[in-house]
Amino acid sequence: MRIFSFMLMVMLVVLTGCITDKPDPNAYIEIPIDKPRIIMAAHYAVEQEQYALNHGMGRRASKLKLLEITKAEQQMGENITYRLQLRVTLDSEELGAETVVGWEKWGSPSQFKMVSWDFKN
């Protein structure tokens, strides 16, 4: 009986380890920042935020410029989503920003879609 209990306990531990080691399919994974699609997504996000700053209600003319991509993460799904950490200048003030940009795999006219933009600092 003890051997059976021991074997059952070992199987339970092994199965529990297999179940908990599976990665979350909605999790972001870090990817290289020098991939062409990442660079294009960062420039797209800056252009979209520049437009929103200059054409939003009560907004004034602002100049937004990309300085550096500091981190890039990717989430796989029906479409690919990139979460980017950026350094930008807004009217000569250096700021951090986090943006989420979707990429349409199957050739939409713009390829990218801005999901969110948040200034940091």
N, C-alpha and C. Protein backbone atom coordinates (compact mmCIF):
# COMPACT_ATOMS: atom_id res chain seq x y z
N MET A 1 0.82 -1.19 0.00
CA MET A 1 0.00 0.00 0.00
C MET A 1 0.87 1.26 0.00
N ARG A 2 1.99 1.22 0.75
CA ARG A 2 2.87 2.38 0.80
C ARG A 2 3.48 2.67 -0.55
N ILE A 3 3.85 1.64 -1.28
CA ILE A 3 4.43 1.83 -2.61
C ILE A 3 3.41 2.47 -3.54
N PHE A 4 2.17 2.01 -3.48
CA PHE A 4 1.11 2.59 -4.30
C PHE A 4 0.91 4.07 -3.96
N SER A 5 0.88 4.41 -2.69
CA SER A 5 0.72 5.80 -2.26
C SER A 5 1.89 6.65 -2.72
N PHE A 6 3.09 6.10 -2.60
CA PHE A 6 4.28 6.81 -3.03
C PHE A 6 4.24 7.06 -4.54
N MET A 7 3.90 6.03 -5.31
CA MET A 7 3.81 6.16 -6.77
C MET A 7 2.75 7.18 -7.16
N LEU A 8 1.62 7.15 -6.48
CA LEU A 8 0.54 8.10 -6.75
C LEU A 8 0.99 9.53 -6.46
N MET A 9 1.72 9.71 -5.36
CA MET A 9 2.22 11.04 -5.01
C MET A 9 3.23 11.53 -6.05
N VAL A 10 4.12 10.68 -6.50
CA VAL A 10 5.11 11.05 -7.51
C VAL A 10 4.41 11.45 -8.81
N MET A 11 3.42 10.68 -9.22
CA MET A 11 2.68 10.99 -10.46
C MET A 11 1.97 12.33 -10.32
N LEU A 12 1.40 12.59 -9.17
CA LEU A 12 0.70 13.85 -8.94
C LEU A 12 1.67 15.03 -9.02
N VAL A 13 2.85 14.90 -8.42
CA VAL A 13 3.85 15.97 -8.47
C VAL A 13 4.30 16.20 -9.91
N VAL A 14 4.55 15.14 -10.65
CA VAL A 14 4.99 15.26 -12.04
C VAL A 14 3.91 15.94 -12.88
N LEU A 15 2.67 15.50 -12.75
CA LEU A 15 1.58 16.10 -13.52
C LEU A 15 1.35 17.56 -13.15
N THR A 16 1.44 17.88 -11.88
CA THR A 16 1.29 19.27 -11.46
C THR A 16 2.39 20.13 -12.05
N GLY A 17 3.61 19.63 -12.09
CA GLY A 17 4.72 20.36 -12.70
C GLY A 17 4.51 20.59 -14.17
N CYS A 18 3.96 19.62 -14.87
CA CYS A 18 3.69 19.77 -16.30
C CYS A 18 2.61 20.82 -16.55
N ILE A 19 1.62 20.84 -15.72
CA ILE A 19 0.51 21.78 -15.91
C ILE A 19 0.96 23.21 -15.63
N THR A 20 1.72 23.44 -14.59
CA THR A 20 2.09 24.80 -14.21
C THR A 20 3.22 25.37 -15.06
N ASP A 21 3.97 24.55 -15.79
CA ASP A 21 5.07 25.04 -16.60
C ASP A 21 4.64 25.53 -17.97
N LYS A 22 3.39 25.40 -18.33
CA LYS A 22 2.93 25.85 -19.64
C LYS A 22 2.88 27.37 -19.66
N PRO A 23 3.43 28.00 -20.71
CA PRO A 23 3.39 29.45 -20.78
C PRO A 23 1.97 29.96 -21.06
N ASP A 24 1.68 31.13 -20.55
CA ASP A 24 0.40 31.77 -20.79
C ASP A 24 0.34 32.21 -22.25
N PRO A 25 -0.65 31.76 -23.02
CA PRO A 25 -0.71 32.14 -24.43
C PRO A 25 -0.94 33.63 -24.65
N ASN A 26 -1.41 34.35 -23.64
CA ASN A 26 -1.63 35.79 -23.77
C ASN A 26 -0.47 36.61 -23.22
N ALA A 27 0.59 35.94 -22.79
CA ALA A 27 1.72 36.65 -22.20
C ALA A 27 2.57 37.29 -23.30
N TYR A 28 3.20 38.39 -22.94
CA TYR A 28 4.16 39.03 -23.84
C TYR A 28 5.53 38.39 -23.64
N ILE A 29 6.26 38.20 -24.74
CA ILE A 29 7.62 37.69 -24.67
C ILE A 29 8.56 38.76 -25.23
N GLU A 30 9.71 38.92 -24.61
CA GLU A 30 10.65 39.94 -25.06
C GLU A 30 11.28 39.52 -26.39
N ILE A 31 11.43 40.49 -27.28
CA ILE A 31 12.02 40.24 -28.61
C ILE A 31 13.06 41.32 -28.90
N PRO A 32 13.95 41.09 -29.87
CA PRO A 32 14.98 42.08 -30.20
C PRO A 32 14.36 43.40 -30.70
N ILE A 33 14.99 44.51 -30.30
CA ILE A 33 14.46 45.82 -30.67
C ILE A 33 14.88 46.25 -32.07
N ASP A 34 15.79 45.51 -32.70
CA ASP A 34 16.29 45.93 -34.00
C ASP A 34 15.61 45.25 -35.19
N LYS A 35 14.52 44.52 -34.93
CA LYS A 35 13.78 43.90 -36.03
C LYS A 35 13.10 44.99 -36.86
N PRO A 36 13.09 44.87 -38.18
CA PRO A 36 12.47 45.90 -39.02
C PRO A 36 11.01 46.19 -38.66
N ARG A 37 10.24 45.16 -38.34
CA ARG A 37 8.83 45.38 -38.01
C ARG A 37 8.68 46.15 -36.71
N ILE A 38 9.58 45.95 -35.76
CA ILE A 38 9.54 46.68 -34.49
C ILE A 38 9.84 48.16 -34.74
N ILE A 39 10.84 48.42 -35.56
CA ILE A 39 11.21 49.81 -35.88
C ILE A 39 10.05 50.49 -36.61
N MET A 40 9.44 49.79 -37.55
CA MET A 40 8.28 50.35 -38.26
C MET A 40 7.12 50.61 -37.31
N ALA A 41 6.87 49.69 -36.39
CA ALA A 41 5.77 49.85 -35.42
C ALA A 41 6.03 51.06 -34.52
N ALA A 42 7.26 51.25 -34.09
CA ALA A 42 7.60 52.40 -33.24
C ALA A 42 7.37 53.71 -33.98
N HIS A 43 7.83 53.79 -35.21
CA HIS A 43 7.62 55.01 -36.00
C HIS A 43 6.13 55.25 -36.26
N TYR A 44 5.40 54.18 -36.53
CA TYR A 44 3.95 54.31 -36.73
C TYR A 44 3.28 54.86 -35.47
N ALA A 45 3.65 54.33 -34.32
CA ALA A 45 3.05 54.78 -33.06
C ALA A 45 3.34 56.26 -32.81
N VAL A 46 4.58 56.67 -33.07
CA VAL A 46 4.94 58.08 -32.87
C VAL A 46 4.14 58.97 -33.82
N GLU A 47 4.00 58.55 -35.07
CA GLU A 47 3.20 59.32 -36.03
C GLU A 47 1.75 59.44 -35.58
N GLN A 48 1.18 58.35 -35.10
CA GLN A 48 -0.22 58.37 -34.65
C GLN A 48 -0.39 59.26 -33.42
N GLU A 49 0.54 59.18 -32.48
CA GLU A 49 0.45 60.02 -31.29
C GLU A 49 0.67 61.49 -31.65
N GLN A 50 1.58 61.75 -32.58
CA GLN A 50 1.80 63.12 -33.07
C GLN A 50 0.50 63.68 -33.64
N TYR A 51 -0.17 62.88 -34.43
CA TYR A 51 -1.46 63.32 -35.02
C TYR A 51 -2.48 63.59 -33.91
N ALA A 52 -2.57 62.69 -32.94
CA ALA A 52 -3.54 62.86 -31.85
C ALA A 52 -3.23 64.11 -31.03
N LEU A 53 -1.95 64.38 -30.79
CA LEU A 53 -1.57 65.57 -30.03
C LEU A 53 -1.95 66.86 -30.76
N ASN A 54 -1.79 66.85 -32.07
CA ASN A 54 -2.02 68.07 -32.85
C ASN A 54 -3.46 68.25 -33.29
N HIS A 55 -4.25 67.19 -33.30
CA HIS A 55 -5.62 67.29 -33.81
C HIS A 55 -6.69 66.97 -32.78
N GLY A 56 -6.29 66.67 -31.56
CA GLY A 56 -7.26 66.39 -30.51
C GLY A 56 -7.94 67.67 -30.05
N MET A 57 -9.07 67.52 -29.39
CA MET A 57 -9.81 68.68 -28.92
C MET A 57 -8.99 69.45 -27.88
N GLY A 58 -8.84 70.74 -28.09
CA GLY A 58 -8.11 71.59 -27.16
C GLY A 58 -6.61 71.40 -27.18
N ARG A 59 -6.11 70.75 -28.20
CA ARG A 59 -4.67 70.48 -28.25
C ARG A 59 -3.95 71.61 -28.99
N ARG A 60 -2.68 71.72 -28.70
CA ARG A 60 -1.85 72.71 -29.39
C ARG A 60 -0.86 71.96 -30.27
N ALA A 61 -0.22 72.68 -31.16
CA ALA A 61 0.77 72.07 -32.04
C ALA A 61 1.95 71.60 -31.21
N SER A 62 2.29 70.34 -31.33
CA SER A 62 3.40 69.75 -30.59
C SER A 62 4.29 68.98 -31.54
N LYS A 63 5.53 68.85 -31.17
CA LYS A 63 6.50 68.11 -31.97
C LYS A 63 6.95 66.89 -31.18
N LEU A 64 6.64 65.71 -31.67
CA LEU A 64 7.00 64.45 -31.03
C LEU A 64 8.03 63.74 -31.91
N LYS A 65 9.11 63.29 -31.29
CA LYS A 65 10.19 62.65 -32.05
C LYS A 65 10.66 61.40 -31.31
N LEU A 66 10.85 60.31 -32.05
CA LEU A 66 11.38 59.06 -31.50
C LEU A 66 12.88 59.17 -31.34
N LEU A 67 13.36 58.88 -30.13
CA LEU A 67 14.80 58.86 -29.87
C LEU A 67 15.35 57.44 -29.88
N GLU A 68 14.62 56.52 -29.20
CA GLU A 68 15.15 55.18 -29.03
C GLU A 68 14.04 54.21 -28.65
N ILE A 69 14.18 52.98 -29.11
CA ILE A 69 13.33 51.88 -28.64
C ILE A 69 14.14 51.19 -27.56
N THR A 70 13.62 51.16 -26.33
CA THR A 70 14.39 50.59 -25.24
C THR A 70 14.01 49.14 -24.93
N LYS A 71 12.78 48.74 -25.29
CA LYS A 71 12.34 47.38 -25.03
C LYS A 71 11.19 47.05 -25.97
N ALA A 72 11.15 45.82 -26.44
CA ALA A 72 10.06 45.36 -27.31
C ALA A 72 9.59 43.99 -26.84
N GLU A 73 8.27 43.84 -26.78
CA GLU A 73 7.66 42.57 -26.41
C GLU A 73 6.59 42.24 -27.44
N GLN A 74 6.33 40.96 -27.61
CA GLN A 74 5.37 40.49 -28.60
C GLN A 74 4.37 39.55 -27.96
N GLN A 75 3.12 39.70 -28.36
CA GLN A 75 2.05 38.81 -27.92
C GLN A 75 1.45 38.18 -29.17
N MET A 76 1.38 36.86 -29.18
CA MET A 76 0.84 36.15 -30.33
C MET A 76 -0.65 35.89 -30.12
N GLY A 77 -1.38 35.92 -31.20
CA GLY A 77 -2.81 35.64 -31.17
C GLY A 77 -3.30 35.63 -32.60
N GLU A 78 -4.57 35.95 -32.78
CA GLU A 78 -5.09 36.06 -34.15
C GLU A 78 -4.28 37.10 -34.92
N ASN A 79 -3.97 38.18 -34.25
CA ASN A 79 -3.05 39.20 -34.76
C ASN A 79 -1.91 39.32 -33.78
N ILE A 80 -0.81 39.87 -34.22
CA ILE A 80 0.35 40.04 -33.35
C ILE A 80 0.28 41.42 -32.73
N THR A 81 0.57 41.50 -31.43
CA THR A 81 0.58 42.78 -30.73
C THR A 81 1.97 43.01 -30.18
N TYR A 82 2.46 44.24 -30.36
CA TYR A 82 3.77 44.62 -29.84
C TYR A 82 3.58 45.64 -28.73
N ARG A 83 4.27 45.43 -27.62
CA ARG A 83 4.31 46.43 -26.55
C ARG A 83 5.73 46.98 -26.55
N LEU A 84 5.84 48.29 -26.77
CA LEU A 84 7.14 48.93 -26.95
C LEU A 84 7.38 49.97 -25.86
N GLN A 85 8.58 49.97 -25.34
CA GLN A 85 9.05 51.01 -24.43
C GLN A 85 9.92 51.94 -25.27
N LEU A 86 9.59 53.23 -25.27
CA LEU A 86 10.28 54.19 -26.12
C LEU A 86 10.84 55.35 -25.30
N ARG A 87 11.85 55.99 -25.85
CA ARG A 87 12.30 57.31 -25.39
C ARG A 87 11.96 58.27 -26.51
N VAL A 88 11.27 59.34 -26.17
CA VAL A 88 10.83 60.32 -27.15
C VAL A 88 11.11 61.73 -26.63
N THR A 89 11.06 62.70 -27.53
CA THR A 89 11.04 64.09 -27.11
C THR A 89 9.69 64.68 -27.51
N LEU A 90 9.12 65.43 -26.59
CA LEU A 90 7.89 66.16 -26.84
C LEU A 90 8.20 67.63 -26.59
N ASP A 91 8.25 68.38 -27.68
CA ASP A 91 8.61 69.81 -27.60
C ASP A 91 9.91 69.99 -26.80
N SER A 92 10.93 69.27 -27.16
CA SER A 92 12.28 69.34 -26.57
C SER A 92 12.40 68.73 -25.18
N GLU A 93 11.33 68.20 -24.61
CA GLU A 93 11.40 67.55 -23.30
C GLU A 93 11.50 66.04 -23.53
N GLU A 94 12.53 65.42 -22.96
CA GLU A 94 12.72 63.98 -23.12
C GLU A 94 11.81 63.23 -22.15
N LEU A 95 11.05 62.28 -22.70
CA LEU A 95 10.10 61.49 -21.92
C LEU A 95 10.21 60.02 -22.29
N GLY A 96 9.70 59.18 -21.42
CA GLY A 96 9.52 57.78 -21.74
C GLY A 96 8.08 57.56 -22.20
N ALA A 97 7.86 56.52 -22.96
CA ALA A 97 6.50 56.20 -23.40
C ALA A 97 6.37 54.69 -23.55
N GLU A 98 5.16 54.22 -23.29
CA GLU A 98 4.84 52.82 -23.57
C GLU A 98 3.69 52.82 -24.55
N THR A 99 3.85 52.07 -25.61
CA THR A 99 2.79 51.98 -26.61
C THR A 99 2.51 50.52 -26.94
N VAL A 100 1.28 50.25 -27.29
CA VAL A 100 0.89 48.93 -27.76
C VAL A 100 0.37 49.11 -29.18
N VAL A 101 0.96 48.35 -30.10
CA VAL A 101 0.63 48.45 -31.52
C VAL A 101 0.29 47.05 -32.03
N GLY A 102 -0.84 46.95 -32.70
CA GLY A 102 -1.23 45.68 -33.31
C GLY A 102 -0.74 45.60 -34.75
N TRP A 103 -0.40 44.40 -35.19
CA TRP A 103 0.01 44.18 -36.57
C TRP A 103 -0.94 43.19 -37.20
N GLU A 104 -1.55 43.58 -38.30
CA GLU A 104 -2.47 42.72 -39.03
C GLU A 104 -1.66 41.79 -39.94
N LYS A 105 -1.72 40.51 -39.66
CA LYS A 105 -0.93 39.55 -40.43
C LYS A 105 -1.32 39.49 -41.91
N TRP A 106 -2.56 39.69 -42.18
CA TRP A 106 -3.05 39.41 -43.53
C TRP A 106 -3.23 40.64 -44.37
N GLY A 107 -2.32 41.58 -44.25
CA GLY A 107 -2.21 42.67 -45.21
C GLY A 107 -3.32 43.70 -45.21
N SER A 108 -3.67 44.24 -44.06
CA SER A 108 -4.59 45.36 -44.06
C SER A 108 -3.86 46.55 -44.67
N PRO A 109 -4.59 47.56 -45.13
CA PRO A 109 -3.94 48.68 -45.81
C PRO A 109 -2.83 49.36 -44.99
N SER A 110 -3.02 49.52 -43.69
CA SER A 110 -1.99 50.21 -42.91
C SER A 110 -1.06 49.24 -42.19
N GLN A 111 -1.37 48.00 -42.13
CA GLN A 111 -0.63 46.95 -41.42
C GLN A 111 -0.67 47.11 -39.91
N PHE A 112 -0.51 48.31 -39.40
CA PHE A 112 -0.45 48.53 -37.96
C PHE A 112 -1.72 49.22 -37.47
N LYS A 113 -2.00 49.01 -36.18
CA LYS A 113 -3.13 49.68 -35.55
C LYS A 113 -2.69 50.06 -34.13
N MET A 114 -2.84 51.34 -33.81
CA MET A 114 -2.47 51.82 -32.47
C MET A 114 -3.51 51.35 -31.48
N VAL A 115 -3.06 50.72 -30.41
CA VAL A 115 -3.96 50.26 -29.34
C VAL A 115 -3.91 51.22 -28.17
N SER A 116 -2.70 51.61 -27.76
CA SER A 116 -2.59 52.55 -26.63
C SER A 116 -1.26 53.28 -26.68
N TRP A 117 -1.23 54.41 -25.98
CA TRP A 117 -0.02 55.21 -25.82
C TRP A 117 -0.06 55.83 -24.44
N ASP A 118 0.98 55.68 -23.66
CA ASP A 118 1.08 56.29 -22.34
C ASP A 118 2.45 56.91 -22.17
N PHE A 119 2.48 58.21 -21.84
CA PHE A 119 3.74 58.84 -21.50
C PHE A 119 4.14 58.40 -20.10
N LYS A 120 5.42 58.17 -19.89
CA LYS A 120 5.97 57.82 -18.59
C LYS A 120 6.86 58.97 -18.13
N ASN A 121 7.06 59.10 -16.84
CA ASN A 121 7.90 60.13 -16.18
C ASN A 121 7.03 61.07 -15.44
